[in-house]
């Protein structure tokens, strides 16, 4: 059966950057390799054009003074030929909107010889060390909690009426409720210790 280049182009175009880069080009027949190469080139061109016209580049430029004592609150690997993940820029934007100083650092990763198409760099979102907990909580609230809620909803929809009634959030997420109690207790004890 002959290969349909139009179909292959559509298939490759529908893949995420990570899924496309996970394909081993050497495993493809010549016609598929051409379609694959075209899609990779198209994405690189789009990435270059976006970088040229983007008013806020992913690279944060000059390093702030607080970086030596910074904490990493979020990271994403950067694969060769792939576009940077949107969520790393979204995370930076969420912190900046909250007024939290942050810096995106591109760090080189140690290379593992036998790994196919290994990531070469990692984007690390850094904040001043004293703002670590606040920044992490802002990211949870503004980025991750919506996905968590959606996964919880999907899980509940799959359960029977009896199972849903037994699925009490205070029991299922006992660790989360315990964490909230511990956070409040530690804060109250520190306020008392300082006589504030």
Foldseek 3Di string as FASTA:
>chain_A
DDDDLVVLLVVLLPDALVVLLPDDLVVDDPSSNVSSVVSLVVLVVVLVVCQVPPPDHPAPPDDDPLQVQKDFQDKDFDFPSHHPDPVVVVLVVLCVVVVFDKGWDKAADDDDVVDRRDGGIMITIIGRPVCNVVSNVSCCVPPPVVVVVVVVVVVLVPDDPVVNVVPDCCVVVVVVVVVVVVVVVVVVVVCVVVVD
